[in-house]
Amino acid sequence: MTRTPVIVARYAADTTPAGRAWMLRGICADAPEPDDWHPTIEAPTDLSTRRAINICRQCPVRPQCRDYALNRPWITGIWGATTTEERARLRRTRRRAA
C-alpha cells in the first residue's frame, strides 16, 4: 500500500524542471545531430546509433539517463548509451531476478 505514493512521488519529481536538471548536463544537450539519439527509418540508424552511443559512454550523467529511460518503457531512442531493445532486455532481466 505504501508503494504507490513512493512511485507517484518519484515520477512527480521528474516532471519538474529541477527533477530533470541533470538532462542539461548531458553531452547530448549540445549535440550537433540530436536526431542520432532518436533514429528513424529515414536516418541511417547504424551510424547514428553508434555515434550517439559513443558520445553517451563519455557522458557524466549516463547513469541517470539510463535509469530515467529504464523506468519509462514508453521512451524510445538512445538513452544512457542503451538502445530501446537493450533497455527492454534489462527490464526483463530485472523482473526475472526480483
Protein backbone atom coordinates (compact mmCIF):
# COMPACT_ATOMS: atom_id res chain seq x y z
CA MET A 1 0.00 0.00 0.00
CA THR A 2 2.89 2.41 0.63
CA ARG A 3 4.50 1.69 -2.75
CA THR A 4 2.07 3.76 -4.81
CA PRO A 5 2.84 7.13 -3.13
CA VAL A 6 6.56 6.47 -3.49
CA ILE A 7 6.23 5.70 -7.20
CA VAL A 8 3.98 8.71 -7.77
CA ALA A 9 6.41 10.95 -5.88
CA ARG A 10 9.33 9.70 -7.98
CA TYR A 11 7.54 10.45 -11.26
CA ALA A 12 6.22 13.77 -9.99
CA ALA A 13 9.75 14.88 -9.11
CA ASP A 14 10.88 14.06 -12.65
CA THR A 15 8.19 16.24 -14.19
CA THR A 16 9.56 19.42 -12.64
CA PRO A 17 12.42 21.36 -14.22
CA ALA A 18 14.53 20.71 -11.10
CA GLY A 19 13.86 16.98 -11.40
CA ARG A 20 15.24 16.97 -14.93
CA ALA A 21 18.15 19.38 -14.37
CA TRP A 22 20.62 16.54 -14.93
CA MET A 23 19.50 16.46 -18.58
CA LEU A 24 21.07 19.85 -19.17
CA ARG A 25 24.44 18.45 -18.05
CA GLY A 26 24.31 15.70 -20.67
CA ILE A 27 26.69 15.86 -23.60
CA CYS A 28 23.72 15.35 -25.92
CA ALA A 29 22.20 18.65 -24.76
CA ASP A 30 24.60 20.43 -27.13
CA ALA A 31 24.90 17.72 -29.77
CA PRO A 32 25.16 18.91 -33.37
CA GLU A 33 23.00 15.95 -34.53
CA PRO A 34 20.20 15.43 -31.98
CA ASP A 35 18.46 13.01 -34.36
CA ASP A 36 21.25 10.50 -33.66
CA TRP A 37 19.56 9.75 -30.33
CA HIS A 38 16.20 9.12 -31.99
CA PRO A 39 16.86 7.08 -35.13
CA THR A 40 14.05 6.77 -37.64
CA ILE A 41 13.55 4.91 -40.89
CA GLU A 42 14.79 7.98 -42.76
CA ALA A 43 18.03 8.19 -40.74
CA PRO A 44 21.00 5.84 -41.19
CA THR A 45 20.31 4.03 -37.92
CA ASP A 46 23.52 2.01 -37.60
CA LEU A 47 25.80 5.01 -37.96
CA SER A 48 23.52 7.31 -35.95
CA THR A 49 23.12 4.78 -33.16
CA ARG A 50 26.85 4.10 -32.90
CA ARG A 51 27.62 7.80 -32.91
CA ALA A 52 25.10 8.50 -30.13
CA ILE A 53 26.22 5.54 -28.01
CA ASN A 54 29.89 6.54 -28.31
CA ILE A 55 29.06 10.04 -27.12
CA CYS A 56 26.84 8.69 -24.30
CA ARG A 57 29.64 6.48 -22.99
CA GLN A 58 31.63 9.62 -22.15
CA CYS A 59 28.70 11.47 -20.56
CA PRO A 60 28.78 12.39 -16.86
CA VAL A 61 25.02 11.80 -16.47
CA ARG A 62 24.88 8.43 -18.25
CA PRO A 63 23.65 6.51 -15.14
CA GLN A 64 20.80 8.98 -14.51
CA CYS A 65 19.89 8.98 -18.19
CA ARG A 66 19.82 5.18 -18.45
CA ASP A 67 17.78 4.84 -15.25
CA TYR A 68 15.35 7.52 -16.42
CA ALA A 69 14.63 5.56 -19.60
CA LEU A 70 14.63 2.17 -17.85
CA ASN A 71 11.86 3.39 -15.56
CA ARG A 72 9.80 4.61 -18.53
CA PRO A 73 9.29 1.75 -21.01
CA TRP A 74 7.49 4.03 -23.46
CA ILE A 75 10.67 6.06 -24.07
CA THR A 76 12.45 5.12 -27.30
CA GLY A 77 15.82 6.03 -28.75
CA ILE A 78 19.28 6.13 -27.24
CA TRP A 79 19.37 6.95 -23.52
CA GLY A 80 22.35 6.35 -21.25
CA ALA A 81 24.25 4.55 -24.02
CA THR A 82 21.48 1.96 -24.40
CA THR A 83 19.04 1.28 -27.22
CA THR A 84 15.32 0.73 -26.79
CA GLU A 85 15.86 -3.02 -27.28
CA GLU A 86 18.71 -3.19 -24.75
CA ARG A 87 16.59 -1.47 -22.11
CA ALA A 88 13.72 -3.90 -22.77
CA ARG A 89 16.14 -6.80 -22.16
CA LEU A 90 17.43 -5.16 -18.97
CA ARG A 91 13.86 -4.73 -17.68
CA ARG A 92 13.06 -8.39 -18.39
CA THR A 93 16.25 -9.48 -16.60
CA ARG A 94 15.41 -7.33 -13.58
CA ARG A 95 11.88 -8.75 -13.42
CA ARG A 96 13.18 -12.32 -13.51
CA ALA A 97 15.72 -11.57 -10.76
CA ALA A 98 13.10 -9.99 -8.49
